[in-house]
Amino acid sequence: SLEVTNIATNSIPTEFIDMIRNKSVAFGACAFTVTEDNKHLINFTSPISIQTYTFLVARPKELSRALLFISPFTGDTWLCLSAAIISMGPILYYIHRFSPVYEYKGIPMKG
């Protein structure tokens, strides 16, 4: 079993600190845990403002378990989907029945 005893990030590469002290970079960014021991070494930024946003929405009404599959789509979508399914049978039959493939290949048409 792994045990995490100290999750603070306390090691910053010395090259990073030296670049900041020598002013060879304007500023440095790194993941570092703010502790009392390190406050005298590094000027940590502090947040200007912290906003906690909350979204308020109405509680969803209870849905029937029998009709639960209908809820993802609107009535118009179900109507179009039903029309497409119903019309595909006759359309595919018409294409099959009147296709010149059988005549072209000399295959007798059955049914």
PDB file of N, CA and C in Angstrom:
ATOM      1  N   SER A   1       0.837  -1.175   0.000  1.00  0.00           N
ATOM      2  CA  SER A   1       0.000   0.000   0.000  1.00  0.00           C
ATOM      3  C   SER A   1       0.887   1.245   0.000  1.00  0.00           C
ATOM      4  N   LEU A   2       0.589   2.172  -0.881  1.00  0.00           N
ATOM      5  CA  LEU A   2       1.345   3.414  -0.948  1.00  0.00           C
ATOM      6  C   LEU A   2       0.765   4.419   0.028  1.00  0.00           C
ATOM      7  N   GLU A   3       1.629   5.061   0.772  1.00  0.00           N
ATOM      8  CA  GLU A   3       1.173   6.051   1.732  1.00  0.00           C
ATOM      9  C   GLU A   3       1.768   7.404   1.365  1.00  0.00           C
ATOM     10  N   VAL A   4       0.919   8.389   1.243  1.00  0.00           N
ATOM     11  CA  VAL A   4       1.366   9.738   0.928  1.00  0.00           C
ATOM     12  C   VAL A   4       1.451  10.507   2.241  1.00  0.00           C
ATOM     13  N   THR A   5       2.669  10.855   2.631  1.00  0.00           N
ATOM     14  CA  THR A   5       2.830  11.564   3.899  1.00  0.00           C
ATOM     15  C   THR A   5       2.982  13.066   3.700  1.00  0.00           C
ATOM     16  N   ASN A   6       3.647  13.473   2.609  1.00  0.00           N
ATOM     17  CA  ASN A   6       3.875  14.893   2.381  1.00  0.00           C
ATOM     18  C   ASN A   6       3.592  15.185   0.913  1.00  0.00           C
ATOM     19  N   ILE A   7       2.538  15.912   0.651  1.00  0.00           N
ATOM     20  CA  ILE A   7       2.189  16.191  -0.739  1.00  0.00           C
ATOM     21  C   ILE A   7       2.638  17.583  -1.175  1.00  0.00           C
ATOM     22  N   ALA A   8       3.372  18.283  -0.338  1.00  0.00           N
ATOM     23  CA  ALA A   8       3.858  19.621  -0.687  1.00  0.00           C
ATOM     24  C   ALA A   8       5.017  19.509  -1.668  1.00  0.00           C
ATOM     25  N   THR A   9       5.044  20.399  -2.645  1.00  0.00           N
ATOM     26  CA  THR A   9       6.138  20.458  -3.600  1.00  0.00           C
ATOM     27  C   THR A   9       7.163  21.434  -3.050  1.00  0.00           C
ATOM     28  N   ASN A  10       8.271  20.911  -2.565  1.00  0.00           N
ATOM     29  CA  ASN A  10       9.247  21.763  -1.888  1.00  0.00           C
ATOM     30  C   ASN A  10      10.558  21.916  -2.633  1.00  0.00           C
ATOM     31  N   SER A  11      10.726  21.299  -3.770  1.00  0.00           N
ATOM     32  CA  SER A  11      12.013  21.427  -4.451  1.00  0.00           C
ATOM     33  C   SER A  11      11.849  22.215  -5.745  1.00  0.00           C
ATOM     34  N   ILE A  12      12.581  23.317  -5.826  1.00  0.00           N
ATOM     35  CA  ILE A  12      12.643  24.115  -7.048  1.00  0.00           C
ATOM     36  C   ILE A  12      14.073  23.987  -7.551  1.00  0.00           C
ATOM     37  N   PRO A  13      14.254  23.732  -8.834  1.00  0.00           N
ATOM     38  CA  PRO A  13      15.624  23.628  -9.351  1.00  0.00           C
ATOM     39  C   PRO A  13      16.420  24.907  -9.056  1.00  0.00           C
ATOM     40  N   THR A  14      17.673  24.748  -8.647  1.00  0.00           N
ATOM     41  CA  THR A  14      18.502  25.911  -8.298  1.00  0.00           C
ATOM     42  C   THR A  14      18.740  26.812  -9.499  1.00  0.00           C
ATOM     43  N   GLU A  15      18.773  26.241 -10.701  1.00  0.00           N
ATOM     44  CA  GLU A  15      18.940  27.057 -11.908  1.00  0.00           C
ATOM     45  C   GLU A  15      17.777  28.030 -12.056  1.00  0.00           C
ATOM     46  N   PHE A  16      16.609  27.572 -11.712  1.00  0.00           N
ATOM     47  CA  PHE A  16      15.401  28.401 -11.788  1.00  0.00           C
ATOM     48  C   PHE A  16      15.500  29.578 -10.818  1.00  0.00           C
ATOM     49  N   ILE A  17      15.896  29.302  -9.594  1.00  0.00           N
ATOM     50  CA  ILE A  17      16.049  30.348  -8.578  1.00  0.00           C
ATOM     51  C   ILE A  17      17.144  31.335  -8.993  1.00  0.00           C
ATOM     52  N   ASP A  18      18.270  30.821  -9.531  1.00  0.00           N
ATOM     53  CA  ASP A  18      19.383  31.689  -9.937  1.00  0.00           C
ATOM     54  C   ASP A  18      18.985  32.623 -11.073  1.00  0.00           C
ATOM     55  N   MET A  19      18.211  32.144 -12.032  1.00  0.00           N
ATOM     56  CA  MET A  19      17.773  33.005 -13.137  1.00  0.00           C
ATOM     57  C   MET A  19      16.910  34.152 -12.623  1.00  0.00           C
ATOM     58  N   ILE A  20      16.089  33.885 -11.623  1.00  0.00           N
ATOM     59  CA  ILE A  20      15.237  34.936 -11.062  1.00  0.00           C
ATOM     60  C   ILE A  20      16.075  35.918 -10.239  1.00  0.00           C
ATOM     61  N   ARG A  21      17.000  35.418  -9.429  1.00  0.00           N
ATOM     62  CA  ARG A  21      17.848  36.295  -8.603  1.00  0.00           C
ATOM     63  C   ARG A  21      18.759  37.178  -9.454  1.00  0.00           C
ATOM     64  N   ASN A  22      19.289  36.618 -10.554  1.00  0.00           N
ATOM     65  CA  ASN A  22      20.183  37.373 -11.442  1.00  0.00           C
ATOM     66  C   ASN A  22      19.420  38.276 -12.400  1.00  0.00           C
ATOM     67  N   LYS A  23      18.114  38.218 -12.353  1.00  0.00           N
ATOM     68  CA  LYS A  23      17.235  39.011 -13.220  1.00  0.00           C
ATOM     69  C   LYS A  23      17.483  38.748 -14.703  1.00  0.00           C
ATOM     70  N   SER A  24      17.829  37.485 -15.030  1.00  0.00           N
ATOM     71  CA  SER A  24      17.967  37.117 -16.439  1.00  0.00           C
ATOM     72  C   SER A  24      16.607  36.780 -17.048  1.00  0.00           C
ATOM     73  N   VAL A  25      15.606  36.611 -16.215  1.00  0.00           N
ATOM     74  CA  VAL A  25      14.217  36.445 -16.672  1.00  0.00           C
ATOM     75  C   VAL A  25      13.356  37.450 -15.922  1.00  0.00           C
ATOM     76  N   ALA A  26      12.250  37.853 -16.539  1.00  0.00           N
ATOM     77  CA  ALA A  26      11.362  38.825 -15.900  1.00  0.00           C
ATOM     78  C   ALA A  26      10.606  38.194 -14.738  1.00  0.00           C
ATOM     79  N   PHE A  27      10.141  36.988 -14.945  1.00  0.00           N
ATOM     80  CA  PHE A  27       9.451  36.263 -13.885  1.00  0.00           C
ATOM     81  C   PHE A  27       9.517  34.781 -14.201  1.00  0.00           C
ATOM     82  N   GLY A  28       9.248  33.967 -13.210  1.00  0.00           N
ATOM     83  CA  GLY A  28       9.261  32.523 -13.394  1.00  0.00           C
ATOM     84  C   GLY A  28       7.961  31.928 -12.908  1.00  0.00           C
ATOM     85  N   ALA A  29       7.561  30.857 -13.531  1.00  0.00           N
ATOM     86  CA  ALA A  29       6.330  30.169 -13.128  1.00  0.00           C
ATOM     87  C   ALA A  29       6.660  28.705 -12.889  1.00  0.00           C
ATOM     88  N   CYS A  30       6.220  28.218 -11.758  1.00  0.00           N
ATOM     89  CA  CYS A  30       6.445  26.813 -11.457  1.00  0.00           C
ATOM     90  C   CYS A  30       5.467  26.376 -10.383  1.00  0.00           C
ATOM     91  N   ALA A  31       5.180  25.096 -10.338  1.00  0.00           N
ATOM     92  CA  ALA A  31       4.267  24.559  -9.332  1.00  0.00           C
ATOM     93  C   ALA A  31       5.044  24.402  -8.031  1.00  0.00           C
ATOM     94  N   PHE A  32       4.650  25.170  -7.045  1.00  0.00           N
ATOM     95  CA  PHE A  32       5.376  25.174  -5.781  1.00  0.00           C
ATOM     96  C   PHE A  32       4.391  25.436  -4.657  1.00  0.00           C
ATOM     97  N   THR A  33       4.468  24.667  -3.604  1.00  0.00           N
ATOM     98  CA  THR A  33       3.547  24.815  -2.486  1.00  0.00           C
ATOM     99  C   THR A  33       3.978  25.975  -1.597  1.00  0.00           C
ATOM    100  N   VAL A  34       3.040  26.845  -1.274  1.00  0.00           N
ATOM    101  CA  VAL A  34       3.321  27.994  -0.413  1.00  0.00           C
ATOM    102  C   VAL A  34       3.394  27.504   1.032  1.00  0.00           C
ATOM    103  N   THR A  35       4.549  27.675   1.633  1.00  0.00           N
ATOM    104  CA  THR A  35       4.731  27.335   3.048  1.00  0.00           C
ATOM    105  C   THR A  35       5.375  28.524   3.754  1.00  0.00           C
ATOM    106  N   GLU A  36       5.280  28.553   5.066  1.00  0.00           N
ATOM    107  CA  GLU A  36       5.866  29.648   5.849  1.00  0.00           C
ATOM    108  C   GLU A  36       7.381  29.696   5.689  1.00  0.00           C
ATOM    109  N   ASP A  37       8.023  28.549   5.558  1.00  0.00           N
ATOM    110  CA  ASP A  37       9.481  28.503   5.416  1.00  0.00           C
ATOM    111  C   ASP A  37       9.949  29.129   4.107  1.00  0.00           C
ATOM    112  N   ASN A  38       9.116  29.070   3.066  1.00  0.00           N
ATOM    113  CA  ASN A  38       9.529  29.539   1.747  1.00  0.00           C
ATOM    114  C   ASN A  38       9.106  30.969   1.441  1.00  0.00           C
ATOM    115  N   LYS A  39       8.322  31.579   2.300  1.00  0.00           N
ATOM    116  CA  LYS A  39       7.838  32.929   2.017  1.00  0.00           C
ATOM    117  C   LYS A  39       8.959  33.964   2.003  1.00  0.00           C
ATOM    118  N   HIS A  40      10.053  33.729   2.709  1.00  0.00           N
ATOM    119  CA  HIS A  40      11.165  34.692   2.701  1.00  0.00           C
ATOM    120  C   HIS A  40      12.027  34.553   1.444  1.00  0.00           C
ATOM    121  N   LEU A  41      11.926  33.432   0.729  1.00  0.00           N
ATOM    122  CA  LEU A  41      12.708  33.223  -0.494  1.00  0.00           C
ATOM    123  C   LEU A  41      11.986  33.699  -1.750  1.00  0.00           C
ATOM    124  N   ILE A  42      10.697  33.490  -1.793  1.00  0.00           N
ATOM    125  CA  ILE A  42       9.930  33.708  -3.021  1.00  0.00           C
ATOM    126  C   ILE A  42       8.769  34.642  -2.732  1.00  0.00           C
ATOM    127  N   ASN A  43       8.525  35.580  -3.652  1.00  0.00           N
ATOM    128  CA  ASN A  43       7.371  36.473  -3.556  1.00  0.00           C
ATOM    129  C   ASN A  43       6.208  35.796  -4.290  1.00  0.00           C
ATOM    130  N   PHE A  44       5.371  35.125  -3.543  1.00  0.00           N
ATOM    131  CA  PHE A  44       4.243  34.416  -4.137  1.00  0.00           C
ATOM    132  C   PHE A  44       3.153  35.407  -4.522  1.00  0.00           C
ATOM    133  N   THR A  45       2.503  35.159  -5.648  1.00  0.00           N
ATOM    134  CA  THR A  45       1.385  36.016  -6.045  1.00  0.00           C
ATOM    135  C   THR A  45       0.177  35.665  -5.203  1.00  0.00           C
ATOM    136  N   SER A  46      -0.644  36.655  -4.964  1.00  0.00           N
ATOM    137  CA  SER A  46      -1.871  36.401  -4.208  1.00  0.00           C
ATOM    138  C   SER A  46      -3.057  36.729  -5.104  1.00  0.00           C
ATOM    139  N   PRO A  47      -4.149  36.017  -4.951  1.00  0.00           N
ATOM    140  CA  PRO A  47      -5.306  36.263  -5.816  1.00  0.00           C
ATOM    141  C   PRO A  47      -5.927  37.625  -5.539  1.00  0.00           C
ATOM    142  N   ILE A  48      -6.356  38.293  -6.606  1.00  0.00           N
ATOM    143  CA  ILE A  48      -7.029  39.584  -6.476  1.00  0.00           C
ATOM    144  C   ILE A  48      -8.472  39.370  -6.061  1.00  0.00           C
ATOM    145  N   SER A  49      -9.107  38.408  -6.699  1.00  0.00           N
ATOM    146  CA  SER A  49     -10.518  38.155  -6.420  1.00  0.00           C
ATOM    147  C   SER A  49     -10.805  36.683  -6.659  1.00  0.00           C
ATOM    148  N   ILE A  50     -11.581  36.114  -5.801  1.00  0.00           N
ATOM    149  CA  ILE A  50     -12.007  34.726  -5.977  1.00  0.00           C
ATOM    150  C   ILE A  50     -13.522  34.731  -6.069  1.00  0.00           C
ATOM    151  N   GLN A  51     -14.031  34.274  -7.193  1.00  0.00           N
ATOM    152  CA  GLN A  51     -15.477  34.227  -7.414  1.00  0.00           C
ATOM    153  C   GLN A  51     -15.929  32.771  -7.404  1.00  0.00           C
ATOM    154  N   THR A  52     -16.939  32.494  -6.658  1.00  0.00           N
ATOM    155  CA  THR A  52     -17.536  31.161  -6.693  1.00  0.00           C
ATOM    156  C   THR A  52     -18.888  31.296  -7.369  1.00  0.00           C
ATOM    157  N   TYR A  53     -18.985  30.743  -8.545  1.00  0.00           N
ATOM    158  CA  TYR A  53     -20.217  30.833  -9.321  1.00  0.00           C
ATOM    159  C   TYR A  53     -21.099  29.625  -9.037  1.00  0.00           C
ATOM    160  N   THR A  54     -22.376  29.862  -8.985  1.00  0.00           N
ATOM    161  CA  THR A  54     -23.346  28.799  -8.791  1.00  0.00           C
ATOM    162  C   THR A  54     -24.433  28.947  -9.835  1.00  0.00           C
ATOM    163  N   PHE A  55     -24.769  27.855 -10.468  1.00  0.00           N
ATOM    164  CA  PHE A  55     -25.844  27.856 -11.448  1.00  0.00           C
ATOM    165  C   PHE A  55     -27.092  27.278 -10.801  1.00  0.00           C
ATOM    166  N   LEU A  56     -28.186  28.005 -10.892  1.00  0.00           N
ATOM    167  CA  LEU A  56     -29.452  27.537 -10.350  1.00  0.00           C
ATOM    168  C   LEU A  56     -30.328  27.071 -11.497  1.00  0.00           C
ATOM    169  N   VAL A  57     -30.783  25.847 -11.412  1.00  0.00           N
ATOM    170  CA  VAL A  57     -31.675  25.289 -12.427  1.00  0.00           C
ATOM    171  C   VAL A  57     -32.836  24.603 -11.721  1.00  0.00           C
ATOM    172  N   ALA A  58     -33.922  24.472 -12.439  1.00  0.00           N
ATOM    173  CA  ALA A  58     -35.095  23.806 -11.865  1.00  0.00           C
ATOM    174  C   ALA A  58     -34.827  22.313 -11.740  1.00  0.00           C
ATOM    175  N   ARG A  59     -35.388  21.744 -10.716  1.00  0.00           N
ATOM    176  CA  ARG A  59     -35.262  20.300 -10.525  1.00  0.00           C
ATOM    177  C   ARG A  59     -36.041  19.604 -11.640  1.00  0.00           C
ATOM    178  N   PRO A  60     -35.439  18.593 -12.278  1.00  0.00           N
ATOM    179  CA  PRO A  60     -36.160  17.913 -13.355  1.00  0.00           C
ATOM    180  C   PRO A  60     -37.369  17.160 -12.818  1.00  0.00           C
ATOM    181  N   LYS A  61     -38.433  17.157 -13.603  1.00  0.00           N
ATOM    182  CA  LYS A  61     -39.639  16.443 -13.179  1.00  0.00           C
ATOM    183  C   LYS A  61     -39.443  14.946 -13.381  1.00  0.00           C
ATOM    184  N   GLU A  62     -40.216  14.182 -12.661  1.00  0.00           N
ATOM    185  CA  GLU A  62     -40.131  12.730 -12.761  1.00  0.00           C
ATOM    186  C   GLU A  62     -40.617  12.276 -14.131  1.00  0.00           C
ATOM    187  N   LEU A  63     -39.863  11.379 -14.751  1.00  0.00           N
ATOM    188  CA  LEU A  63     -40.235  10.844 -16.055  1.00  0.00           C
ATOM    189  C   LEU A  63     -40.689   9.399 -15.902  1.00  0.00           C
ATOM    190  N   SER A  64     -41.628   9.029 -16.735  1.00  0.00           N
ATOM    191  CA  SER A  64     -42.085   7.646 -16.749  1.00  0.00           C
ATOM    192  C   SER A  64     -40.960   6.767 -17.284  1.00  0.00           C
ATOM    193  N   ARG A  65     -40.702   5.665 -16.619  1.00  0.00           N
ATOM    194  CA  ARG A  65     -39.646   4.755 -17.071  1.00  0.00           C
ATOM    195  C   ARG A  65     -40.010   4.117 -18.400  1.00  0.00           C
ATOM    196  N   ALA A  66     -41.302   3.957 -18.670  1.00  0.00           N
ATOM    197  CA  ALA A  66     -41.739   3.332 -19.919  1.00  0.00           C
ATOM    198  C   ALA A  66     -41.474   4.239 -21.117  1.00  0.00           C
ATOM    199  N   LEU A  67     -41.581   5.556 -20.936  1.00  0.00           N
ATOM    200  CA  LEU A  67     -41.407   6.496 -22.043  1.00  0.00           C
ATOM    201  C   LEU A  67     -40.081   7.251 -21.967  1.00  0.00           C
ATOM    202  N   LEU A  68     -39.143   6.740 -21.204  1.00  0.00           N
ATOM    203  CA  LEU A  68     -37.874   7.425 -21.008  1.00  0.00           C
ATOM    204  C   LEU A  68     -37.063   7.544 -22.298  1.00  0.00           C
ATOM    205  N   PHE A  69     -37.184   6.574 -23.216  1.00  0.00           N
ATOM    206  CA  PHE A  69     -36.421   6.609 -24.461  1.00  0.00           C
ATOM    207  C   PHE A  69     -36.874   7.729 -25.387  1.00  0.00           C
ATOM    208  N   ILE A  70     -38.054   8.283 -25.196  1.00  0.00           N
ATOM    209  CA  ILE A  70     -38.583   9.334 -26.064  1.00  0.00           C
ATOM    210  C   ILE A  70     -37.970  10.698 -25.723  1.00  0.00           C
ATOM    211  N   SER A  71     -37.553  10.907 -24.508  1.00  0.00           N
ATOM    212  CA  SER A  71     -37.132  12.236 -24.046  1.00  0.00           C
ATOM    213  C   SER A  71     -35.933  12.857 -24.762  1.00  0.00           C
ATOM    214  N   PRO A  72     -34.971  12.104 -25.327  1.00  0.00           N
ATOM    215  CA  PRO A  72     -33.847  12.794 -25.970  1.00  0.00           C
ATOM    216  C   PRO A  72     -34.221  13.597 -27.214  1.00  0.00           C
ATOM    217  N   PHE A  73     -35.319  13.264 -27.887  1.00  0.00           N
ATOM    218  CA  PHE A  73     -35.679  13.940 -29.131  1.00  0.00           C
ATOM    219  C   PHE A  73     -37.024  14.647 -29.003  1.00  0.00           C
ATOM    220  N   THR A  74     -37.209  15.679 -29.824  1.00  0.00           N
ATOM    221  CA  THR A  74     -38.485  16.395 -29.858  1.00  0.00           C
ATOM    222  C   THR A  74     -39.479  15.624 -30.717  1.00  0.00           C
ATOM    223  N   GLY A  75     -40.717  16.070 -30.694  1.00  0.00           N
ATOM    224  CA  GLY A  75     -41.756  15.418 -31.493  1.00  0.00           C
ATOM    225  C   GLY A  75     -41.475  15.490 -32.984  1.00  0.00           C
ATOM    226  N   ASP A  76     -40.955  16.636 -33.452  1.00  0.00           N
ATOM    227  CA  ASP A  76     -40.623  16.772 -34.877  1.00  0.00           C
ATOM    228  C   ASP A  76     -39.537  15.789 -35.301  1.00  0.00           C
ATOM    229  N   THR A  77     -38.563  15.582 -34.434  1.00  0.00           N
ATOM    230  CA  THR A  77     -37.488  14.640 -34.752  1.00  0.00           C
ATOM    231  C   THR A  77     -38.030  13.224 -34.859  1.00  0.00           C
ATOM    232  N   TRP A  78     -38.894  12.833 -33.923  1.00  0.00           N
ATOM    233  CA  TRP A  78     -39.490  11.500 -33.981  1.00  0.00           C
ATOM    234  C   TRP A  78     -40.357  11.350 -35.230  1.00  0.00           C
ATOM    235  N   LEU A  79     -41.067  12.398 -35.624  1.00  0.00           N
ATOM    236  CA  LEU A  79     -41.893  12.352 -36.825  1.00  0.00           C
ATOM    237  C   LEU A  79     -41.032  12.141 -38.067  1.00  0.00           C
ATOM    238  N   CYS A  80     -39.948  12.893 -38.187  1.00  0.00           N
ATOM    239  CA  CYS A  80     -39.045  12.739 -39.339  1.00  0.00           C
ATOM    240  C   CYS A  80     -38.387  11.362 -39.350  1.00  0.00           C
ATOM    241  N   LEU A  81     -37.977  10.881 -38.190  1.00  0.00           N
ATOM    242  CA  LEU A  81     -37.361   9.562 -38.101  1.00  0.00           C
ATOM    243  C   LEU A  81     -38.347   8.469 -38.501  1.00  0.00           C
ATOM    244  N   SER A  82     -39.580   8.568 -38.043  1.00  0.00           N
ATOM    245  CA  SER A  82     -40.610   7.586 -38.410  1.00  0.00           C
ATOM    246  C   SER A  82     -40.897   7.631 -39.903  1.00  0.00           C
ATOM    247  N   ALA A  83     -41.004   8.830 -40.475  1.00  0.00           N
ATOM    248  CA  ALA A  83     -41.261   8.964 -41.911  1.00  0.00           C
ATOM    249  C   ALA A  83     -40.121   8.363 -42.723  1.00  0.00           C
ATOM    250  N   ALA A  84     -38.888   8.564 -42.277  1.00  0.00           N
ATOM    251  CA  ALA A  84     -37.742   8.004 -42.993  1.00  0.00           C
ATOM    252  C   ALA A  84     -37.755   6.480 -42.945  1.00  0.00           C
ATOM    253  N   ILE A  85     -38.064   5.915 -41.789  1.00  0.00           N
ATOM    254  CA  ILE A  85     -38.089   4.453 -41.657  1.00  0.00           C
ATOM    255  C   ILE A  85     -39.212   3.855 -42.493  1.00  0.00           C
ATOM    256  N   ILE A  86     -40.392   4.459 -42.447  1.00  0.00           N
ATOM    257  CA  ILE A  86     -41.541   3.933 -43.196  1.00  0.00           C
ATOM    258  C   ILE A  86     -41.325   4.062 -44.699  1.00  0.00           C
ATOM    259  N   SER A  87     -40.726   5.144 -45.146  1.00  0.00           N
ATOM    260  CA  SER A  87     -40.558   5.351 -46.590  1.00  0.00           C
ATOM    261  C   SER A  87     -39.404   4.549 -47.176  1.00  0.00           C
ATOM    262  N   MET A  88     -38.461   4.099 -46.380  1.00  0.00           N
ATOM    263  CA  MET A  88     -37.310   3.373 -46.918  1.00  0.00           C
ATOM    264  C   MET A  88     -37.687   2.019 -47.508  1.00  0.00           C
ATOM    265  N   GLY A  89     -38.639   1.331 -46.931  1.00  0.00           N
ATOM    266  CA  GLY A  89     -39.053   0.028 -47.467  1.00  0.00           C
ATOM    267  C   GLY A  89     -39.548   0.127 -48.901  1.00  0.00           C
ATOM    268  N   PRO A  90     -40.561   0.953 -49.171  1.00  0.00           N
ATOM    269  CA  PRO A  90     -41.036   1.074 -50.551  1.00  0.00           C
ATOM    270  C   PRO A  90     -39.979   1.626 -51.515  1.00  0.00           C
ATOM    271  N   ILE A  91     -39.158   2.550 -51.054  1.00  0.00           N
ATOM    272  CA  ILE A  91     -38.126   3.107 -51.942  1.00  0.00           C
ATOM    273  C   ILE A  91     -37.123   2.032 -52.338  1.00  0.00           C
ATOM    274  N   LEU A  92     -36.649   1.254 -51.375  1.00  0.00           N
ATOM    275  CA  LEU A  92     -35.692   0.193 -51.690  1.00  0.00           C
ATOM    276  C   LEU A  92     -36.324  -0.901 -52.543  1.00  0.00           C
ATOM    277  N   TYR A  93     -37.600  -1.220 -52.314  1.00  0.00           N
ATOM    278  CA  TYR A  93     -38.293  -2.194 -53.150  1.00  0.00           C
ATOM    279  C   TYR A  93     -38.392  -1.683 -54.590  1.00  0.00           C
ATOM    280  N   TYR A  94     -38.731  -0.413 -54.768  1.00  0.00           N
ATOM    281  CA  TYR A  94     -38.846   0.176 -56.104  1.00  0.00           C
ATOM    282  C   TYR A  94     -37.495   0.133 -56.826  1.00  0.00           C
ATOM    283  N   ILE A  95     -36.418   0.475 -56.134  1.00  0.00           N
ATOM    284  CA  ILE A  95     -35.084   0.434 -56.750  1.00  0.00           C
ATOM    285  C   ILE A  95     -34.726  -0.991 -57.140  1.00  0.00           C
ATOM    286  N   HIS A  96     -35.009  -1.945 -56.277  1.00  0.00           N
ATOM    287  CA  HIS A  96     -34.708  -3.346 -56.572  1.00  0.00           C
ATOM    288  C   HIS A  96     -35.547  -3.865 -57.741  1.00  0.00           C
ATOM    289  N   ARG A  97     -36.833  -3.559 -57.720  1.00  0.00           N
ATOM    290  CA  ARG A  97     -37.764  -4.097 -58.717  1.00  0.00           C
ATOM    291  C   ARG A  97     -37.507  -3.551 -60.116  1.00  0.00           C
ATOM    292  N   PHE A  98     -37.201  -2.279 -60.219  1.00  0.00           N
ATOM    293  CA  PHE A  98     -37.060  -1.663 -61.531  1.00  0.00           C
ATOM    294  C   PHE A  98     -35.610  -1.384 -61.917  1.00  0.00           C
ATOM    295  N   SER A  99     -34.678  -2.025 -61.271  1.00  0.00           N
ATOM    296  CA  SER A  99     -33.268  -1.855 -61.605  1.00  0.00           C
ATOM    297  C   SER A  99     -32.950  -2.629 -62.884  1.00  0.00           C
ATOM    298  N   PRO A 100     -32.188  -2.030 -63.796  1.00  0.00           N
ATOM    299  CA  PRO A 100     -31.857  -2.728 -65.044  1.00  0.00           C
ATOM    300  C   PRO A 100     -30.709  -3.730 -64.890  1.00  0.00           C
ATOM    301  N   VAL A 101     -30.245  -3.984 -63.682  1.00  0.00           N
ATOM    302  CA  VAL A 101     -29.118  -4.894 -63.478  1.00  0.00           C
ATOM    303  C   VAL A 101     -29.456  -6.304 -63.946  1.00  0.00           C
ATOM    304  N   TYR A 102     -30.641  -6.786 -63.605  1.00  0.00           N
ATOM    305  CA  TYR A 102     -31.027  -8.148 -63.984  1.00  0.00           C
ATOM    306  C   TYR A 102     -31.090  -8.284 -65.501  1.00  0.00           C
ATOM    307  N   GLU A 103     -31.630  -7.297 -66.145  1.00  0.00           N
ATOM    308  CA  GLU A 103     -31.737  -7.313 -67.600  1.00  0.00           C
ATOM    309  C   GLU A 103     -30.349  -7.220 -68.231  1.00  0.00           C
ATOM    310  N   TYR A 104     -29.486  -6.396 -67.680  1.00  0.00           N
ATOM    311  CA  TYR A 104     -28.149  -6.182 -68.218  1.00  0.00           C
ATOM    312  C   TYR A 104     -27.297  -7.443 -68.089  1.00  0.00           C
ATOM    313  N   LYS A 105     -27.391  -8.131 -66.953  1.00  0.00           N
ATOM    314  CA  LYS A 105     -26.575  -9.322 -66.719  1.00  0.00           C
ATOM    315  C   LYS A 105     -27.245 -10.602 -67.187  1.00  0.00           C
ATOM    316  N   GLY A 106     -28.473 -10.511 -67.641  1.00  0.00           N
ATOM    317  CA  GLY A 106     -29.182 -11.689 -68.129  1.00  0.00           C
ATOM    318  C   GLY A 106     -29.632 -12.618 -67.025  1.00  0.00           C
ATOM    319  N   ILE A 107     -29.897 -12.097 -65.864  1.00  0.00           N
ATOM    320  CA  ILE A 107     -30.348 -12.899 -64.730  1.00  0.00           C
ATOM    321  C   ILE A 107     -31.868 -12.829 -64.697  1.00  0.00           C
ATOM    322  N   PRO A 108     -32.531 -14.001 -64.615  1.00  0.00           N
ATOM    323  CA  PRO A 108     -33.997 -13.949 -64.533  1.00  0.00           C
ATOM    324  C   PRO A 108     -34.432 -13.389 -63.177  1.00  0.00           C
ATOM    325  N   MET A 109     -35.388 -12.461 -63.204  1.00  0.00           N
ATOM    326  CA  MET A 109     -35.879 -11.831 -61.975  1.00  0.00           C
ATOM    327  C   MET A 109     -36.908 -12.738 -61.323  1.00  0.00           C
ATOM    328  N   LYS A 110     -36.730 -12.980 -60.034  1.00  0.00           N
ATOM    329  CA  LYS A 110     -37.677 -13.802 -59.288  1.00  0.00           C
ATOM    330  C   LYS A 110     -38.411 -12.909 -58.310  1.00  0.00           C
ATOM    331  N   GLY A 111     -39.698 -13.118 -58.204  1.00  0.00           N
ATOM    332  CA  GLY A 111     -40.496 -12.398 -57.226  1.00  0.00           C
ATOM    333  C   GLY A 111     -40.811 -11.058 -57.680  1.00  0.00           C
TER     334      GLY A 111
END
